[in-house]
Amino acid sequence: MTEQVTGVDLVQAQIRIAEGPRWGSPEIGIQGQESISPRGFAVQCRVTTEDPTNKFLPDSGTITAWRAAAGFGVRIDAGNSYTGAYISPHYDSLLLKITTFAETF
């Protein structure tokens, strides 16, 4: 979410810092906290396969219909999300994350 409203990939910056460069160096790509200015709005939705009628335990089965969101400002982080995919009960219940961004709310 942070990279959506700041334009800074914090995970990439953290990896670079772990490799040795100091905070504020050109390799990191962030001059300092004052150089980061938020813009716009972002919303993230996590879609899970939990069953609310069964104490929110992970649910399993086959996806019978699938249509992914798309468009400017829409990012989907998904694994096996497609029509016909079998969702196993032996994995994390997170199916996908949808992140949206726009300049105005």
PDB file of N, CA and C in Angstrom:
ATOM      1  N   MET A   1       0.817  -1.181   0.000  1.00  0.00           N
ATOM      2  CA  MET A   1       0.000   0.000   0.000  1.00  0.00           C
ATOM      3  C   MET A   1       0.868   1.254   0.000  1.00  0.00           C
ATOM      4  N   THR A   2       1.912   1.248   0.783  1.00  0.00           N
ATOM      5  CA  THR A   2       2.730   2.456   0.899  1.00  0.00           C
ATOM      6  C   THR A   2       3.303   2.881  -0.437  1.00  0.00           C
ATOM      7  N   GLU A   3       3.756   1.915  -1.228  1.00  0.00           N
ATOM      8  CA  GLU A   3       4.345   2.284  -2.523  1.00  0.00           C
ATOM      9  C   GLU A   3       3.322   2.915  -3.455  1.00  0.00           C
ATOM     10  N   GLN A   4       2.045   2.606  -3.251  1.00  0.00           N
ATOM     11  CA  GLN A   4       1.009   3.202  -4.081  1.00  0.00           C
ATOM     12  C   GLN A   4       0.880   4.700  -3.835  1.00  0.00           C
ATOM     13  N   VAL A   5       0.965   5.126  -2.595  1.00  0.00           N
ATOM     14  CA  VAL A   5       0.749   6.542  -2.283  1.00  0.00           C
ATOM     15  C   VAL A   5       2.038   7.345  -2.151  1.00  0.00           C
ATOM     16  N   THR A   6       3.186   6.674  -2.117  1.00  0.00           N
ATOM     17  CA  THR A   6       4.455   7.406  -2.028  1.00  0.00           C
ATOM     18  C   THR A   6       5.319   7.247  -3.274  1.00  0.00           C
ATOM     19  N   GLY A   7       5.055   6.200  -4.065  1.00  0.00           N
ATOM     20  CA  GLY A   7       5.906   5.932  -5.220  1.00  0.00           C
ATOM     21  C   GLY A   7       7.220   5.276  -4.848  1.00  0.00           C
ATOM     22  N   VAL A   8       7.356   4.866  -3.598  1.00  0.00           N
ATOM     23  CA  VAL A   8       8.591   4.254  -3.111  1.00  0.00           C
ATOM     24  C   VAL A   8       8.327   2.783  -2.791  1.00  0.00           C
ATOM     25  N   ASP A   9       9.116   1.908  -3.354  1.00  0.00           N
ATOM     26  CA  ASP A   9       9.004   0.479  -3.059  1.00  0.00           C
ATOM     27  C   ASP A   9       9.803   0.209  -1.785  1.00  0.00           C
ATOM     28  N   LEU A  10       9.124   0.145  -0.657  1.00  0.00           N
ATOM     29  CA  LEU A  10       9.799  -0.003   0.628  1.00  0.00           C
ATOM     30  C   LEU A  10      10.499  -1.355   0.778  1.00  0.00           C
ATOM     31  N   VAL A  11       9.926  -2.399   0.209  1.00  0.00           N
ATOM     32  CA  VAL A  11      10.559  -3.722   0.297  1.00  0.00           C
ATOM     33  C   VAL A  11      11.887  -3.698  -0.439  1.00  0.00           C
ATOM     34  N   GLN A  12      11.901  -3.117  -1.625  1.00  0.00           N
ATOM     35  CA  GLN A  12      13.146  -3.007  -2.382  1.00  0.00           C
ATOM     36  C   GLN A  12      14.172  -2.178  -1.606  1.00  0.00           C
ATOM     37  N   ALA A  13      13.732  -1.080  -1.002  1.00  0.00           N
ATOM     38  CA  ALA A  13      14.639  -0.248  -0.210  1.00  0.00           C
ATOM     39  C   ALA A  13      15.196  -1.027   0.977  1.00  0.00           C
ATOM     40  N   GLN A  14      14.363  -1.820   1.644  1.00  0.00           N
ATOM     41  CA  GLN A  14      14.820  -2.611   2.785  1.00  0.00           C
ATOM     42  C   GLN A  14      15.861  -3.639   2.357  1.00  0.00           C
ATOM     43  N   ILE A  15      15.647  -4.263   1.214  1.00  0.00           N
ATOM     44  CA  ILE A  15      16.618  -5.246   0.707  1.00  0.00           C
ATOM     45  C   ILE A  15      17.934  -4.563   0.404  1.00  0.00           C
ATOM     46  N   ARG A  16      17.868  -3.407  -0.227  1.00  0.00           N
ATOM     47  CA  ARG A  16      19.102  -2.673  -0.534  1.00  0.00           C
ATOM     48  C   ARG A  16      19.838  -2.269   0.741  1.00  0.00           C
ATOM     49  N   ILE A  17      19.115  -1.822   1.757  1.00  0.00           N
ATOM     50  CA  ILE A  17      19.743  -1.449   3.028  1.00  0.00           C
ATOM     51  C   ILE A  17      20.405  -2.677   3.651  1.00  0.00           C
ATOM     52  N   ALA A  18      19.735  -3.827   3.582  1.00  0.00           N
ATOM     53  CA  ALA A  18      20.304  -5.062   4.125  1.00  0.00           C
ATOM     54  C   ALA A  18      21.580  -5.471   3.396  1.00  0.00           C
ATOM     55  N   GLU A  19      21.724  -5.047   2.142  1.00  0.00           N
ATOM     56  CA  GLU A  19      22.925  -5.365   1.366  1.00  0.00           C
ATOM     57  C   GLU A  19      24.112  -4.484   1.743  1.00  0.00           C
ATOM     58  N   GLY A  20      23.867  -3.408   2.519  1.00  0.00           N
ATOM     59  CA  GLY A  20      24.983  -2.612   2.990  1.00  0.00           C
ATOM     60  C   GLY A  20      24.887  -1.109   2.878  1.00  0.00           C
ATOM     61  N   PRO A  21      24.295  -0.549   1.816  1.00  0.00           N
ATOM     62  CA  PRO A  21      24.249   0.920   1.730  1.00  0.00           C
ATOM     63  C   PRO A  21      23.487   1.534   2.898  1.00  0.00           C
ATOM     64  N   ARG A  22      23.900   2.728   3.272  1.00  0.00           N
ATOM     65  CA  ARG A  22      23.261   3.430   4.383  1.00  0.00           C
ATOM     66  C   ARG A  22      22.018   4.157   3.902  1.00  0.00           C
ATOM     67  N   TRP A  23      21.111   4.391   4.837  1.00  0.00           N
ATOM     68  CA  TRP A  23      19.886   5.145   4.571  1.00  0.00           C
ATOM     69  C   TRP A  23      20.265   6.503   3.990  1.00  0.00           C
ATOM     70  N   GLY A  24      19.593   6.907   2.917  1.00  0.00           N
ATOM     71  CA  GLY A  24      19.857   8.198   2.295  1.00  0.00           C
ATOM     72  C   GLY A  24      20.875   8.144   1.176  1.00  0.00           C
ATOM     73  N   SER A  25      21.524   6.998   0.986  1.00  0.00           N
ATOM     74  CA  SER A  25      22.505   6.891  -0.100  1.00  0.00           C
ATOM     75  C   SER A  25      21.782   6.735  -1.437  1.00  0.00           C
ATOM     76  N   PRO A  26      22.435   7.095  -2.552  1.00  0.00           N
ATOM     77  CA  PRO A  26      21.792   6.999  -3.872  1.00  0.00           C
ATOM     78  C   PRO A  26      21.326   5.581  -4.225  1.00  0.00           C
ATOM     79  N   GLU A  27      21.999   4.554  -3.703  1.00  0.00           N
ATOM     80  CA  GLU A  27      21.613   3.169  -4.005  1.00  0.00           C
ATOM     81  C   GLU A  27      20.233   2.820  -3.454  1.00  0.00           C
ATOM     82  N   ILE A  28      19.856   3.462  -2.378  1.00  0.00           N
ATOM     83  CA  ILE A  28      18.560   3.192  -1.751  1.00  0.00           C
ATOM     84  C   ILE A  28      17.439   3.852  -2.538  1.00  0.00           C
ATOM     85  N   GLY A  29      17.698   5.035  -3.076  1.00  0.00           N
ATOM     86  CA  GLY A  29      16.688   5.738  -3.852  1.00  0.00           C
ATOM     87  C   GLY A  29      15.775   6.624  -3.017  1.00  0.00           C
ATOM     88  N   ILE A  30      16.063   6.730  -1.717  1.00  0.00           N
ATOM     89  CA  ILE A  30      15.292   7.601  -0.825  1.00  0.00           C
ATOM     90  C   ILE A  30      16.298   8.523  -0.144  1.00  0.00           C
ATOM     91  N   GLN A  31      16.141   9.810  -0.335  1.00  0.00           N
ATOM     92  CA  GLN A  31      17.087  10.765   0.257  1.00  0.00           C
ATOM     93  C   GLN A  31      16.899  10.885   1.760  1.00  0.00           C
ATOM     94  N   GLY A  32      15.675  10.792   2.213  1.00  0.00           N
ATOM     95  CA  GLY A  32      15.348  10.894   3.629  1.00  0.00           C
ATOM     96  C   GLY A  32      13.843  10.959   3.777  1.00  0.00           C
ATOM     97  N   GLN A  33      13.378  10.906   5.006  1.00  0.00           N
ATOM     98  CA  GLN A  33      11.943  10.919   5.254  1.00  0.00           C
ATOM     99  C   GLN A  33      11.277  12.147   4.646  1.00  0.00           C
ATOM    100  N   GLU A  34      11.955  13.294   4.704  1.00  0.00           N
ATOM    101  CA  GLU A  34      11.376  14.530   4.183  1.00  0.00           C
ATOM    102  C   GLU A  34      11.220  14.505   2.664  1.00  0.00           C
ATOM    103  N   SER A  35      11.906  13.605   1.985  1.00  0.00           N
ATOM    104  CA  SER A  35      11.785  13.531   0.519  1.00  0.00           C
ATOM    105  C   SER A  35      10.568  12.717   0.074  1.00  0.00           C
ATOM    106  N   ILE A  36       9.888  12.073   1.018  1.00  0.00           N
ATOM    107  CA  ILE A  36       8.729  11.248   0.686  1.00  0.00           C
ATOM    108  C   ILE A  36       7.459  12.058   0.945  1.00  0.00           C
ATOM    109  N   SER A  37       6.664  12.244  -0.103  1.00  0.00           N
ATOM    110  CA  SER A  37       5.414  12.975   0.077  1.00  0.00           C
ATOM    111  C   SER A  37       4.258  12.139  -0.458  1.00  0.00           C
ATOM    112  N   PRO A  38       3.312  11.814   0.419  1.00  0.00           N
ATOM    113  CA  PRO A  38       2.175  11.005  -0.010  1.00  0.00           C
ATOM    114  C   PRO A  38       1.297  11.756  -1.010  1.00  0.00           C
ATOM    115  N   ARG A  39       0.695  10.978  -1.898  1.00  0.00           N
ATOM    116  CA  ARG A  39      -0.227  11.537  -2.885  1.00  0.00           C
ATOM    117  C   ARG A  39      -1.330  10.522  -3.131  1.00  0.00           C
ATOM    118  N   GLY A  40      -2.518  10.986  -3.400  1.00  0.00           N
ATOM    119  CA  GLY A  40      -3.625  10.111  -3.755  1.00  0.00           C
ATOM    120  C   GLY A  40      -4.101   9.229  -2.620  1.00  0.00           C
ATOM    121  N   PHE A  41      -4.879   8.221  -3.018  1.00  0.00           N
ATOM    122  CA  PHE A  41      -5.512   7.308  -2.068  1.00  0.00           C
ATOM    123  C   PHE A  41      -5.369   5.878  -2.562  1.00  0.00           C
ATOM    124  N   ALA A  42      -5.219   4.949  -1.639  1.00  0.00           N
ATOM    125  CA  ALA A  42      -5.126   3.537  -1.990  1.00  0.00           C
ATOM    126  C   ALA A  42      -5.993   2.728  -1.039  1.00  0.00           C
ATOM    127  N   VAL A  43      -6.578   1.663  -1.565  1.00  0.00           N
ATOM    128  CA  VAL A  43      -7.388   0.742  -0.773  1.00  0.00           C
ATOM    129  C   VAL A  43      -6.942  -0.669  -1.133  1.00  0.00           C
ATOM    130  N   GLN A  44      -6.796  -1.510  -0.113  1.00  0.00           N
ATOM    131  CA  GLN A  44      -6.425  -2.896  -0.370  1.00  0.00           C
ATOM    132  C   GLN A  44      -7.492  -3.815   0.219  1.00  0.00           C
ATOM    133  N   CYS A  45      -7.853  -4.827  -0.538  1.00  0.00           N
ATOM    134  CA  CYS A  45      -8.830  -5.814  -0.102  1.00  0.00           C
ATOM    135  C   CYS A  45      -8.176  -7.193  -0.184  1.00  0.00           C
ATOM    136  N   ARG A  46      -8.268  -7.936   0.872  1.00  0.00           N
ATOM    137  CA  ARG A  46      -7.730  -9.301   0.889  1.00  0.00           C
ATOM    138  C   ARG A  46      -8.894 -10.272   0.754  1.00  0.00           C
ATOM    139  N   VAL A  47      -8.851 -11.078  -0.275  1.00  0.00           N
ATOM    140  CA  VAL A  47      -9.908 -12.057  -0.531  1.00  0.00           C
ATOM    141  C   VAL A  47      -9.409 -13.402  -0.025  1.00  0.00           C
ATOM    142  N   THR A  48     -10.148 -13.969   0.910  1.00  0.00           N
ATOM    143  CA  THR A  48      -9.742 -15.241   1.494  1.00  0.00           C
ATOM    144  C   THR A  48     -10.779 -16.324   1.206  1.00  0.00           C
ATOM    145  N   THR A  49     -10.395 -17.545   1.478  1.00  0.00           N
ATOM    146  CA  THR A  49     -11.305 -18.678   1.302  1.00  0.00           C
ATOM    147  C   THR A  49     -11.803 -19.171   2.656  1.00  0.00           C
ATOM    148  N   GLU A  50     -11.930 -18.252   3.597  1.00  0.00           N
ATOM    149  CA  GLU A  50     -12.417 -18.632   4.924  1.00  0.00           C
ATOM    150  C   GLU A  50     -13.924 -18.803   4.913  1.00  0.00           C
ATOM    151  N   ASP A  51     -14.389 -19.708   5.739  1.00  0.00           N
ATOM    152  CA  ASP A  51     -15.810 -19.995   5.849  1.00  0.00           C
ATOM    153  C   ASP A  51     -16.361 -19.363   7.124  1.00  0.00           C
ATOM    154  N   PRO A  52     -17.109 -18.255   7.010  1.00  0.00           N
ATOM    155  CA  PRO A  52     -17.619 -17.587   8.206  1.00  0.00           C
ATOM    156  C   PRO A  52     -18.608 -18.432   8.998  1.00  0.00           C
ATOM    157  N   THR A  53     -19.227 -19.414   8.367  1.00  0.00           N
ATOM    158  CA  THR A  53     -20.171 -20.271   9.084  1.00  0.00           C
ATOM    159  C   THR A  53     -19.464 -21.408   9.817  1.00  0.00           C
ATOM    160  N   ASN A  54     -18.129 -21.501   9.636  1.00  0.00           N
ATOM    161  CA  ASN A  54     -17.355 -22.560  10.283  1.00  0.00           C
ATOM    162  C   ASN A  54     -16.167 -21.950  11.030  1.00  0.00           C
ATOM    163  N   LYS A  55     -16.443 -20.924  11.850  1.00  0.00           N
ATOM    164  CA  LYS A  55     -15.433 -20.260  12.674  1.00  0.00           C
ATOM    165  C   LYS A  55     -14.287 -19.685  11.840  1.00  0.00           C
ATOM    166  N   PHE A  56     -14.569 -19.295  10.612  1.00  0.00           N
ATOM    167  CA  PHE A  56     -13.601 -18.702   9.691  1.00  0.00           C
ATOM    168  C   PHE A  56     -12.410 -19.610   9.397  1.00  0.00           C
ATOM    169  N   LEU A  57     -12.630 -20.915   9.463  1.00  0.00           N
ATOM    170  CA  LEU A  57     -11.583 -21.853   9.073  1.00  0.00           C
ATOM    171  C   LEU A  57     -11.416 -21.812   7.558  1.00  0.00           C
ATOM    172  N   PRO A  58     -10.220 -22.143   7.052  1.00  0.00           N
ATOM    173  CA  PRO A  58     -10.026 -22.161   5.602  1.00  0.00           C
ATOM    174  C   PRO A  58     -10.994 -23.111   4.928  1.00  0.00           C
ATOM    175  N   ASP A  59     -11.511 -22.698   3.798  1.00  0.00           N
ATOM    176  CA  ASP A  59     -12.429 -23.514   3.021  1.00  0.00           C
ATOM    177  C   ASP A  59     -11.696 -24.012   1.788  1.00  0.00           C
ATOM    178  N   SER A  60     -12.212 -25.028   1.160  1.00  0.00           N
ATOM    179  CA  SER A  60     -11.568 -25.577  -0.036  1.00  0.00           C
ATOM    180  C   SER A  60     -12.626 -25.874  -1.083  1.00  0.00           C
ATOM    181  N   GLY A  61     -12.153 -26.152  -2.281  1.00  0.00           N
ATOM    182  CA  GLY A  61     -13.063 -26.471  -3.369  1.00  0.00           C
ATOM    183  C   GLY A  61     -12.533 -25.940  -4.687  1.00  0.00           C
ATOM    184  N   THR A  62     -13.362 -26.005  -5.703  1.00  0.00           N
ATOM    185  CA  THR A  62     -12.981 -25.572  -7.043  1.00  0.00           C
ATOM    186  C   THR A  62     -13.641 -24.240  -7.360  1.00  0.00           C
ATOM    187  N   ILE A  63     -12.855 -23.320  -7.923  1.00  0.00           N
ATOM    188  CA  ILE A  63     -13.406 -22.035  -8.353  1.00  0.00           C
ATOM    189  C   ILE A  63     -14.223 -22.280  -9.610  1.00  0.00           C
ATOM    190  N   THR A  64     -15.507 -21.991  -9.545  1.00  0.00           N
ATOM    191  CA  THR A  64     -16.392 -22.276 -10.686  1.00  0.00           C
ATOM    192  C   THR A  64     -16.536 -21.092 -11.631  1.00  0.00           C
ATOM    193  N   ALA A  65     -16.275 -19.888 -11.154  1.00  0.00           N
ATOM    194  CA  ALA A  65     -16.336 -18.702 -12.013  1.00  0.00           C
ATOM    195  C   ALA A  65     -15.285 -17.716 -11.533  1.00  0.00           C
ATOM    196  N   TRP A  66     -14.587 -17.090 -12.469  1.00  0.00           N
ATOM    197  CA  TRP A  66     -13.526 -16.157 -12.104  1.00  0.00           C
ATOM    198  C   TRP A  66     -13.461 -15.029 -13.120  1.00  0.00           C
ATOM    199  N   ARG A  67     -13.459 -13.804 -12.627  1.00  0.00           N
ATOM    200  CA  ARG A  67     -13.251 -12.643 -13.492  1.00  0.00           C
ATOM    201  C   ARG A  67     -12.400 -11.671 -12.693  1.00  0.00           C
ATOM    202  N   ALA A  68     -11.192 -11.416 -13.166  1.00  0.00           N
ATOM    203  CA  ALA A  68     -10.271 -10.545 -12.457  1.00  0.00           C
ATOM    204  C   ALA A  68     -10.572  -9.081 -12.734  1.00  0.00           C
ATOM    205  N   ALA A  69     -10.393  -8.261 -11.716  1.00  0.00           N
ATOM    206  CA  ALA A  69     -10.516  -6.813 -11.892  1.00  0.00           C
ATOM    207  C   ALA A  69      -9.341  -6.323 -12.721  1.00  0.00           C
ATOM    208  N   ALA A  70      -9.543  -5.254 -13.450  1.00  0.00           N
ATOM    209  CA  ALA A  70      -8.472  -4.698 -14.277  1.00  0.00           C
ATOM    210  C   ALA A  70      -8.720  -3.222 -14.479  1.00  0.00           C
ATOM    211  N   GLY A  71      -7.702  -2.529 -14.906  1.00  0.00           N
ATOM    212  CA  GLY A  71      -7.842  -1.118 -15.213  1.00  0.00           C
ATOM    213  C   GLY A  71      -6.736  -0.304 -14.589  1.00  0.00           C
ATOM    214  N   PHE A  72      -6.708   0.970 -14.928  1.00  0.00           N
ATOM    215  CA  PHE A  72      -5.697   1.872 -14.402  1.00  0.00           C
ATOM    216  C   PHE A  72      -5.814   1.960 -12.885  1.00  0.00           C
ATOM    217  N   GLY A  73      -4.710   1.776 -12.194  1.00  0.00           N
ATOM    218  CA  GLY A  73      -4.709   1.878 -10.744  1.00  0.00           C
ATOM    219  C   GLY A  73      -5.134   0.617 -10.022  1.00  0.00           C
ATOM    220  N   VAL A  74      -5.325  -0.492 -10.740  1.00  0.00           N
ATOM    221  CA  VAL A  74      -5.733  -1.753 -10.115  1.00  0.00           C
ATOM    222  C   VAL A  74      -4.571  -2.741 -10.195  1.00  0.00           C
ATOM    223  N   ARG A  75      -4.188  -3.280  -9.050  1.00  0.00           N
ATOM    224  CA  ARG A  75      -3.137  -4.300  -9.009  1.00  0.00           C
ATOM    225  C   ARG A  75      -3.685  -5.514  -8.283  1.00  0.00           C
ATOM    226  N   ILE A  76      -3.485  -6.675  -8.879  1.00  0.00           N
ATOM    227  CA  ILE A  76      -3.929  -7.922  -8.255  1.00  0.00           C
ATOM    228  C   ILE A  76      -2.708  -8.785  -7.982  1.00  0.00           C
ATOM    229  N   ASP A  77      -2.542  -9.190  -6.741  1.00  0.00           N
ATOM    230  CA  ASP A  77      -1.507 -10.139  -6.352  1.00  0.00           C
ATOM    231  C   ASP A  77      -2.218 -11.452  -6.074  1.00  0.00           C
ATOM    232  N   ALA A  78      -2.060 -12.395  -6.991  1.00  0.00           N
ATOM    233  CA  ALA A  78      -2.798 -13.656  -6.868  1.00  0.00           C
ATOM    234  C   ALA A  78      -1.915 -14.825  -7.274  1.00  0.00           C
ATOM    235  N   GLY A  79      -2.242 -15.950  -6.754  1.00  0.00           N
ATOM    236  CA  GLY A  79      -1.565 -17.182  -7.132  1.00  0.00           C
ATOM    237  C   GLY A  79      -2.436 -17.956  -8.106  1.00  0.00           C
ATOM    238  N   ASN A  80      -3.059 -19.004  -7.621  1.00  0.00           N
ATOM    239  CA  ASN A  80      -3.881 -19.875  -8.463  1.00  0.00           C
ATOM    240  C   ASN A  80      -5.335 -19.443  -8.454  1.00  0.00           C
ATOM    241  N   SER A  81      -5.591 -18.305  -9.024  1.00  0.00           N
ATOM    242  CA  SER A  81      -6.965 -17.801  -9.079  1.00  0.00           C
ATOM    243  C   SER A  81      -7.425 -17.785 -10.529  1.00  0.00           C
ATOM    244  N   TYR A  82      -8.148 -18.811 -10.904  1.00  0.00           N
ATOM    245  CA  TYR A  82      -8.684 -18.920 -12.260  1.00  0.00           C
ATOM    246  C   TYR A  82      -9.822 -19.938 -12.228  1.00  0.00           C
ATOM    247  N   THR A  83     -10.692 -19.860 -13.199  1.00  0.00           N
ATOM    248  CA  THR A  83     -11.800 -20.806 -13.265  1.00  0.00           C
ATOM    249  C   THR A  83     -11.245 -22.225 -13.367  1.00  0.00           C
ATOM    250  N   GLY A  84     -11.716 -23.089 -12.515  1.00  0.00           N
ATOM    251  CA  GLY A  84     -11.267 -24.477 -12.511  1.00  0.00           C
ATOM    252  C   GLY A  84     -10.164 -24.766 -11.507  1.00  0.00           C
ATOM    253  N   ALA A  85      -9.599 -23.733 -10.888  1.00  0.00           N
ATOM    254  CA  ALA A  85      -8.527 -23.951  -9.909  1.00  0.00           C
ATOM    255  C   ALA A  85      -9.091 -24.638  -8.671  1.00  0.00           C
ATOM    256  N   TYR A  86      -8.357 -25.610  -8.165  1.00  0.00           N
ATOM    257  CA  TYR A  86      -8.751 -26.275  -6.929  1.00  0.00           C
ATOM    258  C   TYR A  86      -8.032 -25.600  -5.767  1.00  0.00           C
ATOM    259  N   ILE A  87      -8.778 -25.175  -4.783  1.00  0.00           N
ATOM    260  CA  ILE A  87      -8.221 -24.544  -3.590  1.00  0.00           C
ATOM    261  C   ILE A  87      -8.122 -25.608  -2.503  1.00  0.00           C
ATOM    262  N   SER A  88      -6.903 -25.944  -2.133  1.00  0.00           N
ATOM    263  CA  SER A  88      -6.650 -26.985  -1.142  1.00  0.00           C
ATOM    264  C   SER A  88      -6.863 -26.447   0.274  1.00  0.00           C
ATOM    265  N   PRO A  89      -7.328 -27.281   1.176  1.00  0.00           N
ATOM    266  CA  PRO A  89      -7.495 -26.837   2.567  1.00  0.00           C
ATOM    267  C   PRO A  89      -6.167 -26.813   3.332  1.00  0.00           C
ATOM    268  N   HIS A  90      -5.075 -27.209   2.695  1.00  0.00           N
ATOM    269  CA  HIS A  90      -3.787 -27.362   3.382  1.00  0.00           C
ATOM    270  C   HIS A  90      -2.876 -26.148   3.250  1.00  0.00           C
ATOM    271  N   TYR A  91      -3.384 -25.028   2.758  1.00  0.00           N
ATOM    272  CA  TYR A  91      -2.566 -23.843   2.577  1.00  0.00           C
ATOM    273  C   TYR A  91      -3.227 -22.644   3.227  1.00  0.00           C
ATOM    274  N   ASP A  92      -2.528 -21.526   3.221  1.00  0.00           N
ATOM    275  CA  ASP A  92      -3.057 -20.267   3.737  1.00  0.00           C
ATOM    276  C   ASP A  92      -4.354 -19.943   3.013  1.00  0.00           C
ATOM    277  N   SER A  93      -5.301 -19.346   3.712  1.00  0.00           N
ATOM    278  CA  SER A  93      -6.607 -19.070   3.117  1.00  0.00           C
ATOM    279  C   SER A  93      -6.615 -17.815   2.244  1.00  0.00           C
ATOM    280  N   LEU A  94      -5.502 -17.071   2.186  1.00  0.00           N
ATOM    281  CA  LEU A  94      -5.449 -15.872   1.354  1.00  0.00           C
ATOM    282  C   LEU A  94      -5.436 -16.278  -0.113  1.00  0.00           C
ATOM    283  N   LEU A  95      -6.467 -15.875  -0.833  1.00  0.00           N
ATOM    284  CA  LEU A  95      -6.577 -16.215  -2.248  1.00  0.00           C
ATOM    285  C   LEU A  95      -5.899 -15.157  -3.109  1.00  0.00           C
ATOM    286  N   LEU A  96      -6.177 -13.888  -2.819  1.00  0.00           N
ATOM    287  CA  LEU A  96      -5.555 -12.800  -3.567  1.00  0.00           C
ATOM    288  C   LEU A  96      -5.713 -11.492  -2.831  1.00  0.00           C
ATOM    289  N   LYS A  97      -4.925 -10.508  -3.265  1.00  0.00           N
ATOM    290  CA  LYS A  97      -5.049  -9.145  -2.743  1.00  0.00           C
ATOM    291  C   LYS A  97      -5.321  -8.230  -3.930  1.00  0.00           C
ATOM    292  N   ILE A  98      -6.271  -7.339  -3.754  1.00  0.00           N
ATOM    293  CA  ILE A  98      -6.578  -6.338  -4.774  1.00  0.00           C
ATOM    294  C   ILE A  98      -6.212  -4.984  -4.179  1.00  0.00           C
ATOM    295  N   THR A  99      -5.331  -4.265  -4.853  1.00  0.00           N
ATOM    296  CA  THR A  99      -4.939  -2.933  -4.414  1.00  0.00           C
ATOM    297  C   THR A  99      -5.329  -1.949  -5.492  1.00  0.00           C
ATOM    298  N   THR A 100      -6.018  -0.894  -5.085  1.00  0.00           N
ATOM    299  CA  THR A 100      -6.426   0.129  -6.055  1.00  0.00           C
ATOM    300  C   THR A 100      -5.869   1.481  -5.619  1.00  0.00           C
ATOM    301  N   PHE A 101      -5.597   2.324  -6.604  1.00  0.00           N
ATOM    302  CA  PHE A 101      -5.032   3.646  -6.342  1.00  0.00           C
ATOM    303  C   PHE A 101      -5.670   4.661  -7.270  1.00  0.00           C
ATOM    304  N   ALA A 102      -5.891   5.873  -6.747  1.00  0.00           N
ATOM    305  CA  ALA A 102      -6.349   6.994  -7.553  1.00  0.00           C
ATOM    306  C   ALA A 102      -5.864   8.290  -6.930  1.00  0.00           C
ATOM    307  N   GLU A 103      -5.737   9.311  -7.725  1.00  0.00           N
ATOM    308  CA  GLU A 103      -5.292  10.622  -7.232  1.00  0.00           C
ATOM    309  C   GLU A 103      -6.310  11.251  -6.285  1.00  0.00           C
ATOM    310  N   THR A 104      -7.605  10.972  -6.505  1.00  0.00           N
ATOM    311  CA  THR A 104      -8.649  11.518  -5.646  1.00  0.00           C
ATOM    312  C   THR A 104      -9.447  10.367  -5.037  1.00  0.00           C
ATOM    313  N   PHE A 105     -10.054  10.640  -3.891  1.00  0.00           N
ATOM    314  CA  PHE A 105     -10.829   9.616  -3.218  1.00  0.00           C
ATOM    315  C   PHE A 105     -12.066   9.281  -4.009  1.00  0.00           C
TER     316      PHE A 105
END
